[in-house]
């Protein structure tokens, strides 16, 4: 595989939408599980005590749910970007996150990139819209973490007597090494 160009705005937007759909599904499972646990827990309580504590329980549940969903999103993006440079959405659309130097993304950089997502969303998603206007198609989160998103293109396989040659082998032989 070789790098031909940076991942464009629409391709990245669709990949992000796929990831957000996956995270939405996970968050709905967590929500239904939490409501079920809250309901089962309330069956064992006295009705008068439950009414008095309902507001407190609801506020705690909403806060815990919000923190849990945020933690799941952080783990999702940090794990996938740190492990392979690709979330499931990016895998489907042939995109990969790399450091601006071309090296693989570490877990620390992946976490920093996720923190950059928060900043990119903060001002009416302007940090994401920026991707459409930047010459390297970088969002604010990419600048914060020092990353780029590339589109991976398949190269035709070269066939020799020894079998297929990888793209790296082709570059090495073309350079005379």
N, C-alpha and C. Protein backbone atom coordinates (compact mmCIF):
# COMPACT_ATOMS: atom_id res chain seq x y z
N UNK A 1 0.84 -1.18 0.00
CA UNK A 1 0.00 0.00 0.00
C UNK A 1 0.88 1.24 0.00
N UNK A 2 0.42 2.26 -0.65
CA UNK A 2 1.21 3.49 -0.66
C UNK A 2 0.32 4.68 -0.35
N UNK A 3 0.98 5.76 0.00
CA UNK A 3 0.28 7.00 0.28
C UNK A 3 0.18 7.79 -1.01
N UNK A 4 -1.02 8.14 -1.40
CA UNK A 4 -1.20 8.95 -2.58
C UNK A 4 -1.67 10.34 -2.20
N UNK A 5 -2.48 10.43 -1.16
CA UNK A 5 -3.01 11.73 -0.78
C UNK A 5 -3.54 11.69 0.64
N UNK A 6 -3.83 12.89 1.13
CA UNK A 6 -4.39 13.01 2.47
C UNK A 6 -5.88 12.66 2.42
N UNK A 7 -6.37 12.14 3.54
CA UNK A 7 -7.79 11.80 3.63
C UNK A 7 -8.63 13.07 3.60
N UNK A 8 -9.56 13.14 2.67
CA UNK A 8 -10.37 14.33 2.47
C UNK A 8 -11.49 14.48 3.50
N UNK A 9 -12.11 15.65 3.46
CA UNK A 9 -13.15 16.00 4.42
C UNK A 9 -14.30 15.00 4.42
N UNK A 10 -14.88 14.73 3.25
CA UNK A 10 -16.07 13.87 3.21
C UNK A 10 -15.77 12.44 3.58
N UNK A 11 -14.65 11.92 3.12
CA UNK A 11 -14.26 10.55 3.47
C UNK A 11 -14.05 10.44 4.98
N UNK A 12 -13.41 11.43 5.56
CA UNK A 12 -13.19 11.43 7.01
C UNK A 12 -14.50 11.61 7.76
N UNK A 13 -15.40 12.44 7.22
CA UNK A 13 -16.69 12.66 7.88
C UNK A 13 -17.51 11.37 7.91
N UNK A 14 -17.49 10.62 6.82
CA UNK A 14 -18.23 9.36 6.77
C UNK A 14 -17.60 8.34 7.74
N UNK A 15 -16.28 8.28 7.77
CA UNK A 15 -15.60 7.37 8.71
C UNK A 15 -15.95 7.74 10.15
N UNK A 16 -15.96 9.03 10.45
CA UNK A 16 -16.31 9.49 11.79
C UNK A 16 -17.76 9.15 12.12
N UNK A 17 -18.65 9.29 11.14
CA UNK A 17 -20.07 8.96 11.35
C UNK A 17 -20.22 7.47 11.65
N UNK A 18 -19.46 6.63 10.97
CA UNK A 18 -19.50 5.18 11.24
C UNK A 18 -19.05 4.91 12.68
N UNK A 19 -17.95 5.55 13.07
CA UNK A 19 -17.45 5.38 14.44
C UNK A 19 -18.47 5.88 15.46
N UNK A 20 -19.10 7.01 15.18
CA UNK A 20 -20.08 7.55 16.12
C UNK A 20 -21.33 6.65 16.18
N UNK A 21 -21.68 5.99 15.08
CA UNK A 21 -22.80 5.05 15.11
C UNK A 21 -22.46 3.86 16.01
N UNK A 22 -21.25 3.36 15.90
CA UNK A 22 -20.81 2.25 16.76
C UNK A 22 -20.85 2.68 18.22
N UNK A 23 -20.33 3.88 18.50
CA UNK A 23 -20.34 4.40 19.87
C UNK A 23 -21.75 4.68 20.36
N UNK A 24 -22.64 5.11 19.47
CA UNK A 24 -24.03 5.33 19.84
C UNK A 24 -24.68 4.01 20.26
N UNK A 25 -24.42 2.95 19.51
CA UNK A 25 -24.96 1.64 19.85
C UNK A 25 -24.45 1.19 21.22
N UNK A 26 -23.15 1.36 21.47
CA UNK A 26 -22.58 0.99 22.77
C UNK A 26 -23.22 1.82 23.88
N UNK A 27 -23.39 3.12 23.64
CA UNK A 27 -23.97 3.99 24.67
C UNK A 27 -25.43 3.64 24.94
N UNK A 28 -26.16 3.19 23.92
CA UNK A 28 -27.56 2.77 24.14
C UNK A 28 -27.61 1.50 24.98
N UNK A 29 -26.69 0.58 24.74
CA UNK A 29 -26.62 -0.64 25.56
C UNK A 29 -26.33 -0.25 27.02
N UNK A 30 -25.40 0.68 27.21
CA UNK A 30 -25.09 1.14 28.57
C UNK A 30 -26.29 1.84 29.20
N UNK A 31 -27.01 2.64 28.43
CA UNK A 31 -28.16 3.37 28.96
C UNK A 31 -29.27 2.41 29.39
N UNK A 32 -29.60 1.46 28.52
CA UNK A 32 -30.66 0.51 28.84
C UNK A 32 -30.24 -0.34 30.03
N UNK A 33 -28.98 -0.75 30.08
CA UNK A 33 -28.50 -1.54 31.23
C UNK A 33 -28.58 -0.72 32.51
N UNK A 34 -28.20 0.54 32.44
CA UNK A 34 -28.25 1.40 33.62
C UNK A 34 -29.67 1.65 34.10
N UNK A 35 -30.57 1.91 33.16
CA UNK A 35 -31.98 2.12 33.54
C UNK A 35 -32.56 0.85 34.14
N UNK A 36 -32.23 -0.30 33.55
CA UNK A 36 -32.69 -1.57 34.08
C UNK A 36 -32.18 -1.78 35.50
N UNK A 37 -30.88 -1.50 35.72
CA UNK A 37 -30.31 -1.66 37.07
C UNK A 37 -30.95 -0.69 38.06
N UNK A 38 -31.23 0.52 37.62
CA UNK A 38 -31.88 1.51 38.48
C UNK A 38 -33.29 1.04 38.84
N UNK A 39 -34.00 0.50 37.85
CA UNK A 39 -35.35 0.01 38.08
C UNK A 39 -35.35 -1.18 39.03
N UNK A 40 -34.46 -2.14 38.80
CA UNK A 40 -34.38 -3.32 39.68
C UNK A 40 -34.01 -2.90 41.09
N UNK A 41 -33.09 -1.94 41.21
CA UNK A 41 -32.70 -1.45 42.52
C UNK A 41 -33.85 -0.74 43.23
N UNK A 42 -34.70 -0.07 42.46
CA UNK A 42 -35.81 0.66 43.08
C UNK A 42 -36.91 -0.29 43.57
N UNK A 43 -36.99 -1.50 43.04
CA UNK A 43 -38.01 -2.45 43.47
C UNK A 43 -37.79 -2.89 44.91
N UNK A 44 -36.54 -2.86 45.34
CA UNK A 44 -36.24 -3.31 46.70
C UNK A 44 -36.37 -2.18 47.73
N UNK A 45 -36.62 -0.97 47.28
CA UNK A 45 -36.72 0.18 48.18
C UNK A 45 -38.17 0.45 48.57
N UNK A 46 -38.34 1.06 49.71
CA UNK A 46 -39.66 1.53 50.14
C UNK A 46 -40.07 2.69 49.22
N UNK A 47 -41.31 2.72 48.79
CA UNK A 47 -41.81 3.72 47.83
C UNK A 47 -41.62 5.14 48.35
N UNK A 48 -41.87 5.41 49.62
CA UNK A 48 -41.74 6.76 50.18
C UNK A 48 -40.27 7.21 50.16
N UNK A 49 -39.37 6.33 50.51
CA UNK A 49 -37.94 6.67 50.49
C UNK A 49 -37.50 6.90 49.05
N UNK A 50 -37.98 6.06 48.15
CA UNK A 50 -37.60 6.18 46.74
C UNK A 50 -38.03 7.52 46.16
N UNK A 51 -39.26 7.98 46.47
CA UNK A 51 -39.72 9.28 45.97
C UNK A 51 -38.83 10.41 46.46
N UNK A 52 -38.44 10.35 47.70
CA UNK A 52 -37.60 11.40 48.28
C UNK A 52 -36.20 11.40 47.66
N UNK A 53 -35.71 10.23 47.29
CA UNK A 53 -34.36 10.13 46.74
C UNK A 53 -34.32 10.10 45.22
N UNK A 54 -35.46 10.15 44.56
CA UNK A 54 -35.51 9.97 43.11
C UNK A 54 -34.66 11.00 42.37
N UNK A 55 -34.75 12.27 42.77
CA UNK A 55 -33.98 13.31 42.10
C UNK A 55 -32.49 13.07 42.25
N UNK A 56 -32.06 12.75 43.45
CA UNK A 56 -30.65 12.46 43.69
C UNK A 56 -30.16 11.26 42.90
N UNK A 57 -30.97 10.21 42.87
CA UNK A 57 -30.61 9.02 42.09
C UNK A 57 -30.52 9.34 40.60
N UNK A 58 -31.46 10.13 40.12
CA UNK A 58 -31.48 10.48 38.70
C UNK A 58 -30.26 11.31 38.33
N UNK A 59 -29.92 12.28 39.15
CA UNK A 59 -28.75 13.13 38.88
C UNK A 59 -27.48 12.30 38.90
N UNK A 60 -27.34 11.43 39.88
CA UNK A 60 -26.15 10.57 39.94
C UNK A 60 -26.08 9.64 38.74
N UNK A 61 -27.24 9.10 38.34
CA UNK A 61 -27.27 8.20 37.19
C UNK A 61 -26.84 8.95 35.92
N UNK A 62 -27.37 10.14 35.70
CA UNK A 62 -27.04 10.91 34.50
C UNK A 62 -25.55 11.26 34.49
N UNK A 63 -25.01 11.68 35.62
CA UNK A 63 -23.58 11.99 35.69
C UNK A 63 -22.71 10.76 35.45
N UNK A 64 -23.08 9.65 36.08
CA UNK A 64 -22.32 8.41 35.89
C UNK A 64 -22.40 7.94 34.44
N UNK A 65 -23.58 8.03 33.86
CA UNK A 65 -23.75 7.64 32.46
C UNK A 65 -22.90 8.53 31.55
N UNK A 66 -22.93 9.83 31.77
CA UNK A 66 -22.13 10.76 30.96
C UNK A 66 -20.64 10.49 31.07
N UNK A 67 -20.17 10.24 32.28
CA UNK A 67 -18.76 9.92 32.48
C UNK A 67 -18.38 8.60 31.83
N UNK A 68 -19.27 7.62 31.92
CA UNK A 68 -19.00 6.31 31.32
C UNK A 68 -18.93 6.40 29.80
N UNK A 69 -19.87 7.11 29.19
CA UNK A 69 -19.88 7.27 27.74
C UNK A 69 -18.62 8.01 27.28
N UNK A 70 -18.24 9.04 28.01
CA UNK A 70 -17.02 9.78 27.67
C UNK A 70 -15.79 8.88 27.78
N UNK A 71 -15.73 8.06 28.82
CA UNK A 71 -14.61 7.13 28.98
C UNK A 71 -14.57 6.10 27.86
N UNK A 72 -15.73 5.61 27.45
CA UNK A 72 -15.79 4.63 26.36
C UNK A 72 -15.29 5.27 25.06
N UNK A 73 -15.72 6.50 24.78
CA UNK A 73 -15.25 7.19 23.57
C UNK A 73 -13.74 7.41 23.62
N UNK A 74 -13.24 7.82 24.76
CA UNK A 74 -11.80 8.03 24.90
C UNK A 74 -11.03 6.73 24.67
N UNK A 75 -11.50 5.65 25.28
CA UNK A 75 -10.84 4.35 25.10
C UNK A 75 -10.92 3.87 23.66
N UNK A 76 -12.08 4.06 23.02
CA UNK A 76 -12.29 3.63 21.63
C UNK A 76 -11.29 4.31 20.70
N UNK A 77 -11.26 5.64 20.72
CA UNK A 77 -10.38 6.37 19.80
C UNK A 77 -8.91 6.20 20.16
N UNK A 78 -8.59 6.20 21.45
CA UNK A 78 -7.20 6.03 21.86
C UNK A 78 -6.70 4.63 21.51
N UNK A 79 -7.51 3.62 21.76
CA UNK A 79 -7.07 2.25 21.45
C UNK A 79 -6.88 2.05 19.95
N UNK A 80 -7.89 2.36 19.16
CA UNK A 80 -7.79 2.09 17.73
C UNK A 80 -6.73 2.94 17.04
N UNK A 81 -6.65 4.23 17.36
CA UNK A 81 -5.61 5.05 16.74
C UNK A 81 -4.22 4.66 17.22
N UNK A 82 -4.09 4.32 18.51
CA UNK A 82 -2.80 3.92 19.04
C UNK A 82 -2.35 2.55 18.59
N UNK A 83 -3.30 1.66 18.34
CA UNK A 83 -2.97 0.28 17.95
C UNK A 83 -2.63 0.16 16.46
N UNK A 84 -3.54 0.65 15.61
CA UNK A 84 -3.34 0.47 14.16
C UNK A 84 -3.38 1.78 13.38
N UNK A 85 -3.77 2.86 14.06
CA UNK A 85 -3.94 4.13 13.34
C UNK A 85 -5.27 4.19 12.62
N UNK A 86 -6.12 3.20 12.84
CA UNK A 86 -7.40 3.13 12.14
C UNK A 86 -8.51 2.69 13.09
N UNK A 87 -9.58 3.48 13.13
CA UNK A 87 -10.81 3.05 13.79
C UNK A 87 -11.56 2.18 12.80
N UNK A 88 -12.61 1.47 13.21
CA UNK A 88 -13.38 0.70 12.23
C UNK A 88 -13.88 1.54 11.06
N UNK A 89 -14.31 2.77 11.32
CA UNK A 89 -14.76 3.65 10.24
C UNK A 89 -13.63 3.97 9.27
N UNK A 90 -12.45 4.24 9.80
CA UNK A 90 -11.30 4.54 8.94
C UNK A 90 -10.87 3.29 8.17
N UNK A 91 -10.97 2.13 8.80
CA UNK A 91 -10.63 0.88 8.10
C UNK A 91 -11.53 0.68 6.89
N UNK A 92 -12.83 0.90 7.08
CA UNK A 92 -13.79 0.71 5.99
C UNK A 92 -13.54 1.67 4.83
N UNK A 93 -13.05 2.86 5.12
CA UNK A 93 -12.85 3.86 4.08
C UNK A 93 -11.40 4.03 3.67
N UNK A 94 -10.53 3.15 4.12
CA UNK A 94 -9.13 3.17 3.68
C UNK A 94 -8.35 4.37 4.17
N UNK A 95 -8.57 4.78 5.40
CA UNK A 95 -7.85 5.91 5.99
C UNK A 95 -6.98 5.42 7.13
N UNK A 96 -5.90 6.14 7.38
CA UNK A 96 -5.03 5.81 8.51
C UNK A 96 -4.45 7.09 9.09
N UNK A 97 -4.35 7.13 10.41
CA UNK A 97 -3.74 8.25 11.11
C UNK A 97 -2.26 7.93 11.33
N UNK A 98 -1.41 8.87 10.95
CA UNK A 98 0.02 8.76 11.18
C UNK A 98 0.52 10.03 11.84
N UNK A 99 1.69 9.97 12.44
CA UNK A 99 2.33 11.19 12.90
C UNK A 99 2.71 12.00 11.67
N UNK A 100 2.85 13.29 11.80
CA UNK A 100 3.21 14.14 10.67
C UNK A 100 4.55 13.74 10.07
N UNK A 101 5.38 13.06 10.85
CA UNK A 101 6.68 12.58 10.37
C UNK A 101 6.57 11.29 9.56
N UNK A 102 5.38 10.69 9.54
CA UNK A 102 5.17 9.45 8.82
C UNK A 102 5.24 8.22 9.69
N UNK A 103 5.57 8.39 10.96
CA UNK A 103 5.66 7.25 11.88
C UNK A 103 4.28 6.89 12.40
N UNK A 104 4.18 5.69 12.95
CA UNK A 104 2.91 5.25 13.54
C UNK A 104 2.56 6.09 14.76
N UNK A 105 1.28 6.16 15.03
CA UNK A 105 0.79 6.91 16.18
C UNK A 105 0.95 6.05 17.44
N UNK A 106 1.43 6.66 18.52
CA UNK A 106 1.54 5.97 19.80
C UNK A 106 0.24 6.17 20.57
N UNK A 107 0.08 5.42 21.66
CA UNK A 107 -1.12 5.58 22.48
C UNK A 107 -1.19 6.98 23.10
N UNK A 108 -0.04 7.53 23.47
CA UNK A 108 -0.01 8.88 24.03
C UNK A 108 -0.47 9.92 23.02
N UNK A 109 -0.01 9.81 21.80
CA UNK A 109 -0.43 10.73 20.75
C UNK A 109 -1.90 10.51 20.42
N UNK A 110 -2.34 9.26 20.43
CA UNK A 110 -3.76 8.96 20.17
C UNK A 110 -4.64 9.59 21.24
N UNK A 111 -4.21 9.54 22.50
CA UNK A 111 -4.97 10.18 23.57
C UNK A 111 -4.99 11.69 23.38
N UNK A 112 -3.85 12.28 23.05
CA UNK A 112 -3.78 13.72 22.81
C UNK A 112 -4.69 14.11 21.65
N UNK A 113 -4.76 13.27 20.64
CA UNK A 113 -5.64 13.53 19.49
C UNK A 113 -7.11 13.51 19.93
N UNK A 114 -7.45 12.58 20.84
CA UNK A 114 -8.82 12.53 21.35
C UNK A 114 -9.14 13.80 22.15
N UNK A 115 -8.20 14.27 22.95
CA UNK A 115 -8.40 15.53 23.66
C UNK A 115 -8.61 16.66 22.64
N UNK A 116 -7.88 16.60 21.54
CA UNK A 116 -8.07 17.57 20.47
C UNK A 116 -9.46 17.52 19.86
N UNK A 117 -10.08 16.34 19.85
CA UNK A 117 -11.46 16.22 19.38
C UNK A 117 -12.38 17.12 20.21
N UNK A 118 -12.17 17.15 21.51
CA UNK A 118 -13.00 17.98 22.39
C UNK A 118 -12.86 19.44 21.99
N UNK A 119 -11.63 19.87 21.75
CA UNK A 119 -11.38 21.26 21.36
C UNK A 119 -11.95 21.52 19.97
N UNK A 120 -11.82 20.58 19.06
CA UNK A 120 -12.36 20.75 17.71
C UNK A 120 -13.88 20.87 17.71
N UNK A 121 -14.55 20.22 18.65
CA UNK A 121 -16.02 20.28 18.75
C UNK A 121 -16.50 21.54 19.46
N UNK A 122 -15.64 22.09 20.30
CA UNK A 122 -16.04 23.16 21.20
C UNK A 122 -16.66 24.38 20.51
N UNK A 123 -16.11 24.79 19.42
CA UNK A 123 -16.55 26.00 18.72
C UNK A 123 -17.33 25.63 17.47
N UNK A 124 -18.52 25.08 17.67
CA UNK A 124 -19.43 24.72 16.57
C UNK A 124 -18.77 23.77 15.57
N UNK A 125 -17.95 22.86 16.05
CA UNK A 125 -17.28 21.85 15.23
C UNK A 125 -16.33 22.48 14.20
N UNK A 126 -15.89 23.69 14.45
CA UNK A 126 -15.02 24.40 13.51
C UNK A 126 -13.70 23.67 13.29
N UNK A 127 -13.20 23.00 14.32
CA UNK A 127 -11.96 22.24 14.19
C UNK A 127 -12.06 21.10 13.20
N UNK A 128 -13.27 20.55 13.04
CA UNK A 128 -13.49 19.50 12.04
C UNK A 128 -13.74 20.11 10.66
N UNK A 129 -14.48 21.21 10.63
CA UNK A 129 -14.76 21.88 9.35
C UNK A 129 -13.46 22.36 8.73
N UNK A 130 -12.49 22.70 9.56
CA UNK A 130 -11.18 23.16 9.11
C UNK A 130 -10.54 22.17 8.13
N UNK A 131 -10.83 20.90 8.28
CA UNK A 131 -10.26 19.86 7.42
C UNK A 131 -10.56 20.16 5.95
N UNK A 132 -11.74 20.69 5.67
CA UNK A 132 -12.13 20.97 4.29
C UNK A 132 -11.34 22.09 3.65
N UNK A 133 -10.66 22.92 4.44
CA UNK A 133 -9.95 24.07 3.90
C UNK A 133 -8.44 23.99 4.03
N UNK A 134 -7.96 23.05 4.82
CA UNK A 134 -6.52 22.92 5.06
C UNK A 134 -5.86 22.19 3.90
N UNK A 135 -4.66 22.63 3.50
CA UNK A 135 -3.99 22.01 2.35
C UNK A 135 -3.55 20.57 2.62
N UNK A 136 -3.34 20.20 3.88
CA UNK A 136 -3.02 18.81 4.22
C UNK A 136 -4.21 18.10 4.84
N UNK A 137 -5.39 18.73 4.77
CA UNK A 137 -6.63 18.14 5.29
C UNK A 137 -6.52 17.79 6.77
N UNK A 138 -5.91 18.69 7.53
CA UNK A 138 -5.72 18.48 8.96
C UNK A 138 -6.74 19.30 9.74
N UNK A 139 -7.33 18.68 10.77
CA UNK A 139 -8.21 19.37 11.69
C UNK A 139 -7.40 19.90 12.85
N UNK A 140 -8.06 20.65 13.71
CA UNK A 140 -7.36 21.18 14.88
C UNK A 140 -6.79 20.06 15.72
N UNK A 141 -7.52 18.96 15.86
CA UNK A 141 -7.04 17.82 16.65
C UNK A 141 -5.78 17.23 16.02
N UNK A 142 -5.67 17.29 14.69
CA UNK A 142 -4.45 16.81 14.03
C UNK A 142 -3.27 17.73 14.35
N UNK A 143 -3.50 19.03 14.33
CA UNK A 143 -2.44 19.98 14.67
C UNK A 143 -2.01 19.82 16.12
N UNK A 144 -2.97 19.64 17.01
CA UNK A 144 -2.67 19.48 18.44
C UNK A 144 -1.80 18.24 18.67
N UNK A 145 -2.12 17.14 18.00
CA UNK A 145 -1.39 15.88 18.21
C UNK A 145 -0.24 15.68 17.23
N UNK A 146 -0.11 16.55 16.23
CA UNK A 146 0.95 16.38 15.24
C UNK A 146 0.71 15.19 14.33
N UNK A 147 -0.54 15.02 13.89
CA UNK A 147 -0.90 13.88 13.06
C UNK A 147 -1.45 14.32 11.71
N UNK A 148 -1.49 13.38 10.78
CA UNK A 148 -2.16 13.54 9.49
C UNK A 148 -2.99 12.29 9.25
N UNK A 149 -4.02 12.43 8.44
CA UNK A 149 -4.82 11.27 8.03
C UNK A 149 -4.57 11.07 6.55
N UNK A 150 -4.14 9.87 6.21
CA UNK A 150 -3.83 9.57 4.82
C UNK A 150 -4.84 8.58 4.26
N UNK A 151 -5.00 8.64 2.95
CA UNK A 151 -5.84 7.66 2.27
C UNK A 151 -4.92 6.60 1.71
N UNK A 152 -5.18 5.37 2.07
CA UNK A 152 -4.37 4.25 1.60
C UNK A 152 -4.94 3.75 0.27
N UNK A 153 -4.07 3.63 -0.69
CA UNK A 153 -4.48 3.11 -1.99
C UNK A 153 -3.76 1.80 -2.23
N UNK A 154 -4.46 0.90 -2.84
CA UNK A 154 -3.85 -0.40 -3.16
C UNK A 154 -2.99 -0.25 -4.40
N UNK A 155 -1.82 -0.88 -4.35
CA UNK A 155 -0.94 -0.91 -5.51
C UNK A 155 -1.13 -2.24 -6.21
N UNK A 156 -1.01 -2.25 -7.51
CA UNK A 156 -1.05 -3.54 -8.20
C UNK A 156 0.17 -4.36 -7.80
N UNK A 157 -0.05 -5.65 -7.62
CA UNK A 157 1.05 -6.52 -7.22
C UNK A 157 1.93 -6.81 -8.42
N UNK A 158 3.24 -6.69 -8.22
CA UNK A 158 4.21 -7.04 -9.26
C UNK A 158 4.54 -8.52 -9.08
N UNK A 159 4.59 -9.21 -10.16
CA UNK A 159 4.86 -10.64 -10.09
C UNK A 159 6.24 -10.90 -10.68
N UNK A 160 7.05 -11.62 -9.93
CA UNK A 160 8.37 -12.01 -10.40
C UNK A 160 8.50 -13.52 -10.21
N UNK A 161 9.65 -14.02 -10.49
CA UNK A 161 9.88 -15.45 -10.29
C UNK A 161 9.77 -15.83 -8.82
N UNK A 162 10.04 -14.88 -7.92
CA UNK A 162 9.99 -15.15 -6.49
C UNK A 162 8.62 -14.89 -5.90
N UNK A 163 7.64 -14.51 -6.70
CA UNK A 163 6.31 -14.21 -6.21
C UNK A 163 6.08 -12.70 -6.15
N UNK A 164 4.98 -12.30 -5.54
CA UNK A 164 4.65 -10.87 -5.47
C UNK A 164 5.72 -10.07 -4.71
N UNK A 165 5.94 -8.85 -5.16
CA UNK A 165 6.88 -7.95 -4.51
C UNK A 165 6.08 -6.90 -3.76
N UNK A 166 6.48 -6.63 -2.53
CA UNK A 166 5.78 -5.62 -1.75
C UNK A 166 6.16 -4.22 -2.24
N UNK A 167 5.36 -3.24 -1.82
CA UNK A 167 5.62 -1.86 -2.21
C UNK A 167 6.99 -1.40 -1.71
N UNK A 168 7.38 -1.81 -0.50
CA UNK A 168 8.69 -1.42 0.04
C UNK A 168 9.83 -2.00 -0.79
N UNK A 169 9.66 -3.26 -1.21
CA UNK A 169 10.68 -3.89 -2.04
C UNK A 169 10.80 -3.20 -3.39
N UNK A 170 9.66 -2.77 -3.93
CA UNK A 170 9.67 -2.07 -5.21
C UNK A 170 10.40 -0.74 -5.09
N UNK A 171 10.15 0.01 -4.00
CA UNK A 171 10.83 1.28 -3.80
C UNK A 171 12.32 1.08 -3.64
N UNK A 172 12.73 0.04 -2.88
CA UNK A 172 14.13 -0.25 -2.65
C UNK A 172 14.83 -0.60 -3.96
N UNK A 173 14.19 -1.44 -4.77
CA UNK A 173 14.82 -1.83 -6.03
C UNK A 173 14.86 -0.67 -7.02
N UNK A 174 13.87 0.22 -6.98
CA UNK A 174 13.85 1.38 -7.86
C UNK A 174 14.93 2.39 -7.46
N UNK A 175 15.25 2.43 -6.17
CA UNK A 175 16.27 3.36 -5.68
C UNK A 175 17.68 2.80 -5.87
N UNK A 176 17.75 1.59 -6.33
CA UNK A 176 19.05 0.99 -6.59
C UNK A 176 19.67 0.33 -5.38
N UNK A 177 18.85 0.03 -4.36
CA UNK A 177 19.41 -0.53 -3.12
C UNK A 177 19.05 -1.91 -2.97
